[in-house]
Amino acid sequence: MRFFTDLHRNRIISEEFPEEWRHCLKTKFRAYNLLPDADKHKLEDDLRIFMEEKTWEGCG
């Protein structure tokens, strides 16, 4: 099962990180600008995986 999870995650992170998301990180999450480039890429990869794998429901 781990093989398919890794395959799915690799597909997710192979796509370009949305520029709108990067803009939000730069302006709303000020610590992002202090991170080294390698950590920025790791955060972006983790964020894409998180957004893809979680179920989102509106409320109200």
PDB file of N, CA and C in Angstrom:
ATOM      1  N   MET A   1       0.827  -1.199   0.000  1.00  0.00           N
ATOM      2  CA  MET A   1       0.000   0.000   0.000  1.00  0.00           C
ATOM      3  C   MET A   1       0.867   1.257   0.000  1.00  0.00           C
ATOM      4  N   ARG A   2       1.983   1.203   0.671  1.00  0.00           N
ATOM      5  CA  ARG A   2       2.881   2.349   0.739  1.00  0.00           C
ATOM      6  C   ARG A   2       3.354   2.757  -0.661  1.00  0.00           C
ATOM      7  N   PHE A   3       3.556   1.781  -1.535  1.00  0.00           N
ATOM      8  CA  PHE A   3       3.997   2.046  -2.896  1.00  0.00           C
ATOM      9  C   PHE A   3       3.013   2.989  -3.607  1.00  0.00           C
ATOM     10  N   PHE A   4       1.710   2.713  -3.477  1.00  0.00           N
ATOM     11  CA  PHE A   4       0.704   3.524  -4.143  1.00  0.00           C
ATOM     12  C   PHE A   4       0.602   4.917  -3.531  1.00  0.00           C
ATOM     13  N   THR A   5       0.784   5.002  -2.218  1.00  0.00           N
ATOM     14  CA  THR A   5       0.789   6.308  -1.549  1.00  0.00           C
ATOM     15  C   THR A   5       1.952   7.143  -2.063  1.00  0.00           C
ATOM     16  N   ASP A   6       3.131   6.546  -2.121  1.00  0.00           N
ATOM     17  CA  ASP A   6       4.305   7.268  -2.625  1.00  0.00           C
ATOM     18  C   ASP A   6       4.126   7.677  -4.083  1.00  0.00           C
ATOM     19  N   LEU A   7       3.563   6.795  -4.877  1.00  0.00           N
ATOM     20  CA  LEU A   7       3.328   7.088  -6.283  1.00  0.00           C
ATOM     21  C   LEU A   7       2.374   8.277  -6.434  1.00  0.00           C
ATOM     22  N   HIS A   8       1.308   8.262  -5.649  1.00  0.00           N
ATOM     23  CA  HIS A   8       0.328   9.342  -5.676  1.00  0.00           C
ATOM     24  C   HIS A   8       0.964  10.665  -5.230  1.00  0.00           C
ATOM     25  N   ARG A   9       1.734  10.625  -4.173  1.00  0.00           N
ATOM     26  CA  ARG A   9       2.369  11.845  -3.665  1.00  0.00           C
ATOM     27  C   ARG A   9       3.409  12.380  -4.644  1.00  0.00           C
ATOM     28  N   ASN A  10       4.136  11.500  -5.293  1.00  0.00           N
ATOM     29  CA  ASN A  10       5.115  11.949  -6.288  1.00  0.00           C
ATOM     30  C   ASN A  10       4.426  12.641  -7.461  1.00  0.00           C
ATOM     31  N   ARG A  11       3.263  12.152  -7.833  1.00  0.00           N
ATOM     32  CA  ARG A  11       2.490  12.799  -8.898  1.00  0.00           C
ATOM     33  C   ARG A  11       2.073  14.204  -8.466  1.00  0.00           C
ATOM     34  N   ILE A  12       1.636  14.319  -7.213  1.00  0.00           N
ATOM     35  CA  ILE A  12       1.193  15.617  -6.695  1.00  0.00           C
ATOM     36  C   ILE A  12       2.335  16.630  -6.718  1.00  0.00           C
ATOM     37  N   ILE A  13       3.491  16.240  -6.206  1.00  0.00           N
ATOM     38  CA  ILE A  13       4.591  17.211  -6.098  1.00  0.00           C
ATOM     39  C   ILE A  13       5.323  17.432  -7.421  1.00  0.00           C
ATOM     40  N   SER A  14       5.026  16.619  -8.424  1.00  0.00           N
ATOM     41  CA  SER A  14       5.656  16.845  -9.729  1.00  0.00           C
ATOM     42  C   SER A  14       5.012  18.034 -10.446  1.00  0.00           C
ATOM     43  N   GLU A  15       3.830  18.416 -10.011  1.00  0.00           N
ATOM     44  CA  GLU A  15       3.150  19.559 -10.621  1.00  0.00           C
ATOM     45  C   GLU A  15       3.736  20.857 -10.070  1.00  0.00           C
ATOM     46  N   GLU A  16       3.623  21.910 -10.851  1.00  0.00           N
ATOM     47  CA  GLU A  16       4.133  23.221 -10.447  1.00  0.00           C
ATOM     48  C   GLU A  16       3.340  23.747  -9.249  1.00  0.00           C
ATOM     49  N   PHE A  17       4.037  24.333  -8.287  1.00  0.00           N
ATOM     50  CA  PHE A  17       3.372  24.922  -7.133  1.00  0.00           C
ATOM     51  C   PHE A  17       2.623  26.168  -7.597  1.00  0.00           C
ATOM     52  N   PRO A  18       1.342  26.295  -7.239  1.00  0.00           N
ATOM     53  CA  PRO A  18       0.558  27.450  -7.709  1.00  0.00           C
ATOM     54  C   PRO A  18       1.151  28.779  -7.232  1.00  0.00           C
ATOM     55  N   GLU A  19       1.333  29.691  -8.156  1.00  0.00           N
ATOM     56  CA  GLU A  19       1.919  30.993  -7.822  1.00  0.00           C
ATOM     57  C   GLU A  19       1.048  31.769  -6.838  1.00  0.00           C
ATOM     58  N   GLU A  20      -0.279  31.589  -6.920  1.00  0.00           N
ATOM     59  CA  GLU A  20      -1.177  32.269  -5.973  1.00  0.00           C
ATOM     60  C   GLU A  20      -0.918  31.801  -4.545  1.00  0.00           C
ATOM     61  N   TRP A  21      -0.654  30.506  -4.403  1.00  0.00           N
ATOM     62  CA  TRP A  21      -0.360  29.962  -3.078  1.00  0.00           C
ATOM     63  C   TRP A  21       0.962  30.520  -2.562  1.00  0.00           C
ATOM     64  N   ARG A  22       1.959  30.598  -3.443  1.00  0.00           N
ATOM     65  CA  ARG A  22       3.265  31.119  -3.038  1.00  0.00           C
ATOM     66  C   ARG A  22       3.129  32.582  -2.600  1.00  0.00           C
ATOM     67  N   HIS A  23       2.324  33.331  -3.319  1.00  0.00           N
ATOM     68  CA  HIS A  23       2.093  34.732  -2.952  1.00  0.00           C
ATOM     69  C   HIS A  23       1.475  34.811  -1.546  1.00  0.00           C
ATOM     70  N   CYS A  24       0.501  33.936  -1.273  1.00  0.00           N
ATOM     71  CA  CYS A  24      -0.111  33.913   0.067  1.00  0.00           C
ATOM     72  C   CYS A  24       0.908  33.569   1.131  1.00  0.00           C
ATOM     73  N   LEU A  25       1.762  32.597   0.854  1.00  0.00           N
ATOM     74  CA  LEU A  25       2.792  32.242   1.825  1.00  0.00           C
ATOM     75  C   LEU A  25       3.723  33.427   2.094  1.00  0.00           C
ATOM     76  N   LYS A  26       4.109  34.112   1.031  1.00  0.00           N
ATOM     77  CA  LYS A  26       5.030  35.245   1.178  1.00  0.00           C
ATOM     78  C   LYS A  26       4.414  36.408   1.939  1.00  0.00           C
ATOM     79  N   THR A  27       3.113  36.626   1.762  1.00  0.00           N
ATOM     80  CA  THR A  27       2.488  37.800   2.371  1.00  0.00           C
ATOM     81  C   THR A  27       1.783  37.512   3.692  1.00  0.00           C
ATOM     82  N   LYS A  28       1.277  36.305   3.876  1.00  0.00           N
ATOM     83  CA  LYS A  28       0.502  35.981   5.085  1.00  0.00           C
ATOM     84  C   LYS A  28       1.303  35.181   6.114  1.00  0.00           C
ATOM     85  N   PHE A  29       2.331  34.502   5.671  1.00  0.00           N
ATOM     86  CA  PHE A  29       3.141  33.646   6.537  1.00  0.00           C
ATOM     87  C   PHE A  29       4.574  34.157   6.461  1.00  0.00           C
ATOM     88  N   ARG A  30       4.852  35.186   7.217  1.00  0.00           N
ATOM     89  CA  ARG A  30       6.121  35.910   7.093  1.00  0.00           C
ATOM     90  C   ARG A  30       7.354  35.052   7.344  1.00  0.00           C
ATOM     91  N   ALA A  31       7.213  34.014   8.132  1.00  0.00           N
ATOM     92  CA  ALA A  31       8.356  33.137   8.390  1.00  0.00           C
ATOM     93  C   ALA A  31       8.808  32.431   7.110  1.00  0.00           C
ATOM     94  N   TYR A  32       7.908  32.303   6.142  1.00  0.00           N
ATOM     95  CA  TYR A  32       8.249  31.668   4.867  1.00  0.00           C
ATOM     96  C   TYR A  32       9.438  32.370   4.220  1.00  0.00           C
ATOM     97  N   ASN A  33       9.461  33.675   4.282  1.00  0.00           N
ATOM     98  CA  ASN A  33      10.536  34.441   3.648  1.00  0.00           C
ATOM     99  C   ASN A  33      11.890  34.242   4.327  1.00  0.00           C
ATOM    100  N   LEU A  34      11.881  33.754   5.548  1.00  0.00           N
ATOM    101  CA  LEU A  34      13.128  33.539   6.278  1.00  0.00           C
ATOM    102  C   LEU A  34      13.700  32.146   6.067  1.00  0.00           C
ATOM    103  N   LEU A  35      12.909  31.259   5.471  1.00  0.00           N
ATOM    104  CA  LEU A  35      13.350  29.880   5.277  1.00  0.00           C
ATOM    105  C   LEU A  35      14.378  29.774   4.154  1.00  0.00           C
ATOM    106  N   PRO A  36      15.325  28.847   4.294  1.00  0.00           N
ATOM    107  CA  PRO A  36      16.213  28.556   3.165  1.00  0.00           C
ATOM    108  C   PRO A  36      15.390  27.947   2.017  1.00  0.00           C
ATOM    109  N   ASP A  37      15.886  28.042   0.804  1.00  0.00           N
ATOM    110  CA  ASP A  37      15.148  27.550  -0.362  1.00  0.00           C
ATOM    111  C   ASP A  37      14.737  26.087  -0.230  1.00  0.00           C
ATOM    112  N   ALA A  38      15.607  25.247   0.297  1.00  0.00           N
ATOM    113  CA  ALA A  38      15.279  23.822   0.442  1.00  0.00           C
ATOM    114  C   ALA A  38      14.073  23.629   1.364  1.00  0.00           C
ATOM    115  N   ASP A  39      14.007  24.408   2.429  1.00  0.00           N
ATOM    116  CA  ASP A  39      12.869  24.311   3.354  1.00  0.00           C
ATOM    117  C   ASP A  39      11.591  24.873   2.743  1.00  0.00           C
ATOM    118  N   LYS A  40      11.729  25.908   1.917  1.00  0.00           N
ATOM    119  CA  LYS A  40      10.561  26.440   1.216  1.00  0.00           C
ATOM    120  C   LYS A  40       9.967  25.377   0.300  1.00  0.00           C
ATOM    121  N   HIS A  41      10.822  24.682  -0.435  1.00  0.00           N
ATOM    122  CA  HIS A  41      10.346  23.628  -1.339  1.00  0.00           C
ATOM    123  C   HIS A  41       9.699  22.486  -0.562  1.00  0.00           C
ATOM    124  N   LYS A  42      10.275  22.125   0.557  1.00  0.00           N
ATOM    125  CA  LYS A  42       9.706  21.056   1.393  1.00  0.00           C
ATOM    126  C   LYS A  42       8.328  21.472   1.905  1.00  0.00           C
ATOM    127  N   LEU A  43       8.207  22.699   2.377  1.00  0.00           N
ATOM    128  CA  LEU A  43       6.923  23.210   2.855  1.00  0.00           C
ATOM    129  C   LEU A  43       5.886  23.214   1.728  1.00  0.00           C
ATOM    130  N   GLU A  44       6.296  23.661   0.555  1.00  0.00           N
ATOM    131  CA  GLU A  44       5.378  23.683  -0.586  1.00  0.00           C
ATOM    132  C   GLU A  44       4.921  22.273  -0.960  1.00  0.00           C
ATOM    133  N   ASP A  45       5.852  21.317  -0.965  1.00  0.00           N
ATOM    134  CA  ASP A  45       5.488  19.925  -1.259  1.00  0.00           C
ATOM    135  C   ASP A  45       4.518  19.383  -0.215  1.00  0.00           C
ATOM    136  N   ASP A  46       4.837  19.609   1.045  1.00  0.00           N
ATOM    137  CA  ASP A  46       3.969  19.124   2.125  1.00  0.00           C
ATOM    138  C   ASP A  46       2.582  19.769   2.060  1.00  0.00           C
ATOM    139  N   LEU A  47       2.536  21.038   1.734  1.00  0.00           N
ATOM    140  CA  LEU A  47       1.262  21.747   1.632  1.00  0.00           C
ATOM    141  C   LEU A  47       0.405  21.172   0.502  1.00  0.00           C
ATOM    142  N   ARG A  48       1.024  20.905  -0.649  1.00  0.00           N
ATOM    143  CA  ARG A  48       0.266  20.319  -1.761  1.00  0.00           C
ATOM    144  C   ARG A  48      -0.280  18.950  -1.407  1.00  0.00           C
ATOM    145  N   ILE A  49       0.521  18.128  -0.737  1.00  0.00           N
ATOM    146  CA  ILE A  49       0.071  16.797  -0.330  1.00  0.00           C
ATOM    147  C   ILE A  49      -1.063  16.914   0.677  1.00  0.00           C
ATOM    148  N   PHE A  50      -0.904  17.792   1.657  1.00  0.00           N
ATOM    149  CA  PHE A  50      -1.942  18.003   2.662  1.00  0.00           C
ATOM    150  C   PHE A  50      -3.252  18.412   2.023  1.00  0.00           C
ATOM    151  N   MET A  51      -3.200  19.396   1.120  1.00  0.00           N
ATOM    152  CA  MET A  51      -4.413  19.895   0.474  1.00  0.00           C
ATOM    153  C   MET A  51      -5.088  18.823  -0.380  1.00  0.00           C
ATOM    154  N   GLU A  52      -4.301  17.972  -1.000  1.00  0.00           N
ATOM    155  CA  GLU A  52      -4.840  16.935  -1.872  1.00  0.00           C
ATOM    156  C   GLU A  52      -5.447  15.784  -1.076  1.00  0.00           C
ATOM    157  N   GLU A  53      -4.842  15.421   0.048  1.00  0.00           N
ATOM    158  CA  GLU A  53      -5.243  14.203   0.761  1.00  0.00           C
ATOM    159  C   GLU A  53      -6.320  14.422   1.815  1.00  0.00           C
ATOM    160  N   LYS A  54      -6.587  15.639   2.176  1.00  0.00           N
ATOM    161  CA  LYS A  54      -7.610  15.912   3.188  1.00  0.00           C
ATOM    162  C   LYS A  54      -8.959  16.138   2.545  1.00  0.00           C
ATOM    163  N   THR A  55      -9.996  15.786   3.261  1.00  0.00           N
ATOM    164  CA  THR A  55     -11.353  16.030   2.797  1.00  0.00           C
ATOM    165  C   THR A  55     -11.803  17.372   3.359  1.00  0.00           C
ATOM    166  N   TRP A  56     -12.296  18.241   2.477  1.00  0.00           N
ATOM    167  CA  TRP A  56     -12.704  19.592   2.869  1.00  0.00           C
ATOM    168  C   TRP A  56     -14.207  19.704   2.745  1.00  0.00           C
ATOM    169  N   GLU A  57     -14.833  20.205   3.796  1.00  0.00           N
ATOM    170  CA  GLU A  57     -16.281  20.408   3.812  1.00  0.00           C
ATOM    171  C   GLU A  57     -16.571  21.839   4.247  1.00  0.00           C
ATOM    172  N   GLY A  58     -17.470  22.462   3.533  1.00  0.00           N
ATOM    173  CA  GLY A  58     -17.884  23.804   3.927  1.00  0.00           C
ATOM    174  C   GLY A  58     -18.857  23.714   5.105  1.00  0.00           C
ATOM    175  N   CYS A  59     -18.948  24.754   5.858  1.00  0.00           N
ATOM    176  CA  CYS A  59     -19.916  24.779   6.957  1.00  0.00           C
ATOM    177  C   CYS A  59     -20.730  26.071   6.854  1.00  0.00           C
ATOM    178  N   GLY A  60     -21.940  25.941   7.302  1.00  0.00           N
ATOM    179  CA  GLY A  60     -22.780  27.129   7.289  1.00  0.00           C
ATOM    180  C   GLY A  60     -23.986  26.994   6.412  1.00  0.00           C
TER     181      GLY A  60
END
